[in-house]
């Protein structure tokens, strides 16, 4: 259940990014769902590894290195999924900020997707 909710949450986040930024295009709903799946896998598998590797740099840059890791997840998603396009570095920065903001809101919104406190 949590995997499905995570996938739909990623789809929602990427749809919001595409709706807000003119430099982000999604060909169709199928491309959006594939992008959400790829983005979710990258954030689950690759991002934690990169965060460990970049930890010393994150300390030196006051966390900017981790912003770049998050940006890299969008770049890889864009490069892997045909039908999901992000044009320009500025758009990548804006998209990363929007993804972060939406995730902060979703992390604090009550609901069944929140981990149970046992």
N, C-alpha and C. Protein backbone atom coordinates (compact mmCIF):
# COMPACT_ATOMS: atom_id res chain seq x y z
N UNK A 1 0.82 -1.19 0.00
CA UNK A 1 0.00 0.00 0.00
C UNK A 1 0.87 1.26 0.00
N UNK A 2 1.91 1.26 0.87
CA UNK A 2 2.77 2.45 0.95
C UNK A 2 3.50 2.69 -0.37
N UNK A 3 3.88 1.62 -1.07
CA UNK A 3 4.56 1.77 -2.35
C UNK A 3 3.64 2.44 -3.37
N UNK A 4 2.38 2.03 -3.42
CA UNK A 4 1.41 2.64 -4.32
C UNK A 4 1.16 4.09 -4.00
N UNK A 5 1.06 4.41 -2.72
CA UNK A 5 0.86 5.80 -2.30
C UNK A 5 2.08 6.64 -2.66
N UNK A 6 3.27 6.08 -2.45
CA UNK A 6 4.50 6.79 -2.80
C UNK A 6 4.55 7.07 -4.30
N UNK A 7 4.16 6.09 -5.11
CA UNK A 7 4.17 6.24 -6.56
C UNK A 7 3.19 7.34 -6.98
N UNK A 8 1.98 7.31 -6.42
CA UNK A 8 1.00 8.34 -6.75
C UNK A 8 1.42 9.71 -6.24
N UNK A 9 2.08 9.76 -5.10
CA UNK A 9 2.59 11.03 -4.59
C UNK A 9 3.64 11.61 -5.52
N UNK A 10 4.55 10.74 -6.00
CA UNK A 10 5.55 11.21 -6.97
C UNK A 10 4.88 11.70 -8.24
N UNK A 11 3.84 11.00 -8.69
CA UNK A 11 3.11 11.44 -9.89
C UNK A 11 2.47 12.80 -9.65
N UNK A 12 1.89 13.00 -8.47
CA UNK A 12 1.28 14.29 -8.12
C UNK A 12 2.33 15.40 -8.11
N UNK A 13 3.46 15.13 -7.48
CA UNK A 13 4.53 16.13 -7.41
C UNK A 13 5.02 16.51 -8.80
N UNK A 14 5.27 15.51 -9.64
CA UNK A 14 5.77 15.80 -10.99
C UNK A 14 4.70 16.49 -11.84
N UNK A 15 3.42 16.15 -11.62
CA UNK A 15 2.34 16.84 -12.33
C UNK A 15 2.26 18.31 -11.92
N UNK A 16 2.45 18.58 -10.63
CA UNK A 16 2.46 19.97 -10.15
C UNK A 16 3.62 20.73 -10.78
N UNK A 17 4.79 20.11 -10.82
CA UNK A 17 5.96 20.75 -11.44
C UNK A 17 5.66 21.07 -12.90
N UNK A 18 5.08 20.12 -13.63
CA UNK A 18 4.76 20.34 -15.04
C UNK A 18 3.70 21.42 -15.22
N UNK A 19 2.75 21.51 -14.30
CA UNK A 19 1.69 22.51 -14.40
C UNK A 19 2.21 23.92 -14.09
N UNK A 20 3.16 24.01 -13.17
CA UNK A 20 3.65 25.32 -12.72
C UNK A 20 4.74 25.88 -13.62
N UNK A 21 5.59 25.00 -14.13
CA UNK A 21 6.75 25.46 -14.92
C UNK A 21 6.55 25.21 -16.41
N UNK A 22 6.70 26.26 -17.19
CA UNK A 22 6.53 26.11 -18.64
C UNK A 22 7.66 25.31 -19.28
N UNK A 23 8.79 25.21 -18.60
CA UNK A 23 9.92 24.46 -19.14
C UNK A 23 9.88 22.98 -18.82
N UNK A 24 8.77 22.51 -18.26
CA UNK A 24 8.61 21.09 -17.97
C UNK A 24 7.42 20.59 -18.77
N UNK A 25 7.64 19.52 -19.53
CA UNK A 25 6.57 18.94 -20.34
C UNK A 25 6.45 17.45 -20.06
N UNK A 26 5.21 17.00 -20.03
CA UNK A 26 4.93 15.57 -19.91
C UNK A 26 4.05 15.22 -21.10
N UNK A 27 4.49 14.25 -21.91
CA UNK A 27 3.76 13.91 -23.13
C UNK A 27 2.34 13.42 -22.85
N UNK A 28 2.20 12.53 -21.86
CA UNK A 28 0.88 11.98 -21.55
C UNK A 28 0.89 11.38 -20.15
N UNK A 29 -0.25 10.87 -19.72
CA UNK A 29 -0.37 10.31 -18.37
C UNK A 29 0.55 9.11 -18.18
N UNK A 30 0.73 8.32 -19.22
CA UNK A 30 1.63 7.18 -19.13
C UNK A 30 3.06 7.60 -18.85
N UNK A 31 3.50 8.65 -19.54
CA UNK A 31 4.85 9.17 -19.30
C UNK A 31 4.99 9.71 -17.89
N UNK A 32 3.94 10.34 -17.39
CA UNK A 32 3.95 10.86 -16.02
C UNK A 32 4.09 9.72 -15.01
N UNK A 33 3.34 8.64 -15.22
CA UNK A 33 3.39 7.51 -14.29
C UNK A 33 4.75 6.79 -14.35
N UNK A 34 5.31 6.68 -15.54
CA UNK A 34 6.64 6.07 -15.67
C UNK A 34 7.68 6.96 -15.00
N UNK A 35 7.59 8.27 -15.23
CA UNK A 35 8.52 9.21 -14.59
C UNK A 35 8.40 9.12 -13.07
N UNK A 36 7.18 9.01 -12.57
CA UNK A 36 6.97 8.89 -11.12
C UNK A 36 7.62 7.63 -10.58
N UNK A 37 7.50 6.53 -11.31
CA UNK A 37 8.10 5.27 -10.88
C UNK A 37 9.63 5.36 -10.88
N UNK A 38 10.19 5.91 -11.95
CA UNK A 38 11.65 6.05 -12.05
C UNK A 38 12.15 6.99 -10.96
N UNK A 39 11.48 8.11 -10.78
CA UNK A 39 11.86 9.09 -9.76
C UNK A 39 11.82 8.44 -8.37
N UNK A 40 10.79 7.65 -8.12
CA UNK A 40 10.67 6.96 -6.84
C UNK A 40 11.79 5.96 -6.61
N UNK A 41 12.13 5.19 -7.63
CA UNK A 41 13.21 4.20 -7.50
C UNK A 41 14.55 4.91 -7.28
N UNK A 42 14.80 5.96 -8.04
CA UNK A 42 16.05 6.71 -7.87
C UNK A 42 16.14 7.30 -6.47
N UNK A 43 15.04 7.85 -5.96
CA UNK A 43 15.05 8.44 -4.62
C UNK A 43 15.18 7.39 -3.53
N UNK A 44 14.73 6.18 -3.81
CA UNK A 44 14.81 5.11 -2.82
C UNK A 44 16.17 4.41 -2.82
N UNK A 45 16.74 4.23 -4.00
CA UNK A 45 17.96 3.43 -4.13
C UNK A 45 19.22 4.31 -4.22
N UNK A 46 19.24 5.23 -5.15
CA UNK A 46 20.46 5.98 -5.43
C UNK A 46 20.66 7.18 -4.50
N UNK A 47 19.62 7.91 -4.20
CA UNK A 47 19.76 9.13 -3.41
C UNK A 47 20.37 8.89 -2.03
N UNK A 48 19.96 7.86 -1.29
CA UNK A 48 20.60 7.64 0.03
C UNK A 48 22.10 7.35 -0.09
N UNK A 49 22.49 6.62 -1.12
CA UNK A 49 23.91 6.33 -1.33
C UNK A 49 24.67 7.62 -1.61
N UNK A 50 24.12 8.45 -2.48
CA UNK A 50 24.78 9.72 -2.81
C UNK A 50 24.82 10.67 -1.61
N UNK A 51 23.80 10.62 -0.78
CA UNK A 51 23.81 11.48 0.41
C UNK A 51 24.91 11.06 1.38
N UNK A 52 25.16 9.77 1.52
CA UNK A 52 26.25 9.30 2.38
C UNK A 52 27.60 9.73 1.81
N UNK A 53 27.74 9.53 0.50
CA UNK A 53 29.00 9.88 -0.16
C UNK A 53 29.28 11.38 -0.07
N UNK A 54 28.23 12.19 -0.22
CA UNK A 54 28.42 13.65 -0.24
C UNK A 54 28.30 14.30 1.13
N UNK A 55 28.18 13.49 2.19
CA UNK A 55 28.01 14.05 3.53
C UNK A 55 29.09 15.07 3.90
N UNK A 56 30.38 14.75 3.71
CA UNK A 56 31.40 15.76 4.06
C UNK A 56 31.24 17.06 3.26
N UNK A 57 30.90 16.91 1.98
CA UNK A 57 30.69 18.10 1.14
C UNK A 57 29.44 18.87 1.59
N UNK A 58 28.43 18.15 2.02
CA UNK A 58 27.21 18.80 2.51
C UNK A 58 27.50 19.63 3.76
N UNK A 59 28.38 19.15 4.61
CA UNK A 59 28.75 19.92 5.79
C UNK A 59 29.48 21.20 5.38
N UNK A 60 30.41 21.06 4.45
CA UNK A 60 31.17 22.23 4.00
C UNK A 60 30.31 23.25 3.26
N UNK A 61 29.29 22.77 2.55
CA UNK A 61 28.45 23.68 1.75
C UNK A 61 27.12 24.01 2.43
N UNK A 62 27.00 23.62 3.70
CA UNK A 62 25.77 23.87 4.47
C UNK A 62 24.53 23.29 3.79
N UNK A 63 24.68 22.12 3.21
CA UNK A 63 23.56 21.40 2.62
C UNK A 63 23.33 21.61 1.14
N UNK A 64 24.06 22.51 0.52
CA UNK A 64 23.87 22.77 -0.91
C UNK A 64 24.18 21.51 -1.72
N UNK A 65 25.12 20.71 -1.28
CA UNK A 65 25.46 19.48 -2.00
C UNK A 65 24.24 18.55 -2.08
N UNK A 66 23.43 18.50 -1.04
CA UNK A 66 22.26 17.64 -1.05
C UNK A 66 21.18 18.19 -1.97
N UNK A 67 21.12 19.50 -2.13
CA UNK A 67 20.22 20.08 -3.12
C UNK A 67 20.63 19.60 -4.51
N UNK A 68 21.92 19.56 -4.76
CA UNK A 68 22.41 19.11 -6.06
C UNK A 68 22.14 17.62 -6.27
N UNK A 69 22.15 16.83 -5.20
CA UNK A 69 21.80 15.41 -5.30
C UNK A 69 20.33 15.30 -5.70
N UNK A 70 19.47 16.11 -5.07
CA UNK A 70 18.04 16.09 -5.42
C UNK A 70 17.83 16.53 -6.87
N UNK A 71 18.59 17.53 -7.30
CA UNK A 71 18.52 17.98 -8.68
C UNK A 71 18.94 16.86 -9.63
N UNK A 72 19.97 16.11 -9.25
CA UNK A 72 20.44 15.00 -10.07
C UNK A 72 19.36 13.94 -10.25
N UNK A 73 18.53 13.72 -9.24
CA UNK A 73 17.45 12.74 -9.36
C UNK A 73 16.47 13.15 -10.46
N UNK A 74 16.19 14.44 -10.58
CA UNK A 74 15.33 14.93 -11.66
C UNK A 74 16.02 14.82 -13.02
N UNK A 75 17.32 15.11 -13.06
CA UNK A 75 18.07 15.00 -14.31
C UNK A 75 18.05 13.56 -14.80
N UNK A 76 18.30 12.62 -13.91
CA UNK A 76 18.31 11.21 -14.30
C UNK A 76 16.92 10.75 -14.74
N UNK A 77 15.89 11.21 -14.04
CA UNK A 77 14.52 10.87 -14.43
C UNK A 77 14.23 11.39 -15.83
N UNK A 78 14.61 12.63 -16.07
CA UNK A 78 14.42 13.24 -17.40
C UNK A 78 15.15 12.46 -18.47
N UNK A 79 16.37 12.04 -18.18
CA UNK A 79 17.19 11.34 -19.17
C UNK A 79 16.72 9.91 -19.42
N UNK A 80 16.11 9.28 -18.44
CA UNK A 80 15.66 7.89 -18.57
C UNK A 80 14.29 7.79 -19.23
N UNK A 81 13.39 8.71 -18.91
CA UNK A 81 11.99 8.60 -19.35
C UNK A 81 11.75 9.44 -20.59
N UNK A 82 11.41 8.78 -21.70
CA UNK A 82 11.01 9.55 -22.87
C UNK A 82 9.58 10.02 -22.63
N UNK A 83 9.32 11.25 -22.97
CA UNK A 83 8.00 11.82 -22.72
C UNK A 83 7.97 12.69 -21.47
N UNK A 84 9.09 12.77 -20.75
CA UNK A 84 9.22 13.66 -19.59
C UNK A 84 10.41 14.57 -19.86
N UNK A 85 10.13 15.86 -20.04
CA UNK A 85 11.16 16.80 -20.48
C UNK A 85 11.28 17.96 -19.50
N UNK A 86 12.53 18.32 -19.19
CA UNK A 86 12.82 19.53 -18.41
C UNK A 86 13.84 20.30 -19.22
N UNK A 87 13.48 21.52 -19.60
CA UNK A 87 14.33 22.34 -20.46
C UNK A 87 15.03 23.42 -19.64
N UNK A 88 16.34 23.42 -19.65
CA UNK A 88 17.12 24.49 -19.03
C UNK A 88 17.50 24.23 -17.58
N UNK A 89 18.69 24.71 -17.22
CA UNK A 89 19.20 24.52 -15.86
C UNK A 89 18.36 25.29 -14.84
N UNK A 90 17.94 26.49 -15.20
CA UNK A 90 17.09 27.27 -14.29
C UNK A 90 15.79 26.55 -13.98
N UNK A 91 15.23 25.91 -15.00
CA UNK A 91 14.00 25.14 -14.79
C UNK A 91 14.27 23.95 -13.88
N UNK A 92 15.43 23.31 -14.02
CA UNK A 92 15.80 22.22 -13.12
C UNK A 92 15.87 22.69 -11.67
N UNK A 93 16.46 23.85 -11.47
CA UNK A 93 16.55 24.40 -10.11
C UNK A 93 15.15 24.67 -9.57
N UNK A 94 14.32 25.33 -10.38
CA UNK A 94 12.94 25.62 -9.95
C UNK A 94 12.17 24.34 -9.67
N UNK A 95 12.32 23.34 -10.52
CA UNK A 95 11.62 22.07 -10.34
C UNK A 95 12.06 21.38 -9.05
N UNK A 96 13.35 21.42 -8.76
CA UNK A 96 13.86 20.81 -7.53
C UNK A 96 13.29 21.51 -6.31
N UNK A 97 13.19 22.82 -6.35
CA UNK A 97 12.62 23.58 -5.23
C UNK A 97 11.14 23.22 -5.05
N UNK A 98 10.40 23.13 -6.16
CA UNK A 98 8.97 22.80 -6.07
C UNK A 98 8.78 21.38 -5.53
N UNK A 99 9.59 20.43 -6.00
CA UNK A 99 9.50 19.06 -5.49
C UNK A 99 9.75 19.06 -3.99
N UNK A 100 10.74 19.79 -3.55
CA UNK A 100 11.05 19.86 -2.13
C UNK A 100 9.88 20.47 -1.35
N UNK A 101 9.35 21.59 -1.83
CA UNK A 101 8.24 22.25 -1.13
C UNK A 101 7.00 21.36 -1.04
N UNK A 102 6.64 20.72 -2.15
CA UNK A 102 5.46 19.84 -2.14
C UNK A 102 5.68 18.67 -1.19
N UNK A 103 6.89 18.12 -1.19
CA UNK A 103 7.18 17.00 -0.28
C UNK A 103 7.14 17.43 1.18
N UNK A 104 7.58 18.64 1.48
CA UNK A 104 7.48 19.15 2.86
C UNK A 104 6.02 19.25 3.28
N UNK A 105 5.18 19.78 2.40
CA UNK A 105 3.75 19.89 2.70
C UNK A 105 3.14 18.51 2.90
N UNK A 106 3.44 17.58 1.99
CA UNK A 106 2.88 16.23 2.10
C UNK A 106 3.40 15.49 3.33
N UNK A 107 4.65 15.72 3.70
CA UNK A 107 5.21 15.08 4.88
C UNK A 107 4.52 15.53 6.17
N UNK A 108 3.98 16.73 6.16
CA UNK A 108 3.33 17.26 7.36
C UNK A 108 1.81 17.16 7.32
N UNK A 109 1.27 16.71 6.20
CA UNK A 109 -0.18 16.53 6.09
C UNK A 109 -0.57 15.19 6.72
N UNK A 110 -1.58 15.20 7.57
CA UNK A 110 -1.99 13.93 8.18
C UNK A 110 -2.64 13.02 7.14
N UNK A 111 -2.45 11.73 7.30
CA UNK A 111 -3.08 10.79 6.38
C UNK A 111 -2.53 9.40 6.56
N UNK A 112 -3.11 8.46 5.83
CA UNK A 112 -2.71 7.06 5.94
C UNK A 112 -1.32 6.78 5.38
N UNK A 113 -0.79 7.70 4.57
CA UNK A 113 0.54 7.49 4.00
C UNK A 113 1.64 7.75 5.00
N UNK A 114 1.31 8.38 6.12
CA UNK A 114 2.32 8.67 7.13
C UNK A 114 2.69 7.38 7.86
N UNK A 115 3.97 7.21 8.19
CA UNK A 115 4.37 6.03 8.94
C UNK A 115 3.65 5.98 10.29
N UNK A 116 3.25 4.81 10.68
CA UNK A 116 2.56 4.69 11.97
C UNK A 116 3.59 4.82 13.09
N UNK A 117 3.17 5.46 14.17
CA UNK A 117 4.04 5.65 15.32
C UNK A 117 3.72 4.56 16.33
N UNK A 118 4.58 3.57 16.39
CA UNK A 118 4.33 2.43 17.28
C UNK A 118 5.18 2.54 18.50
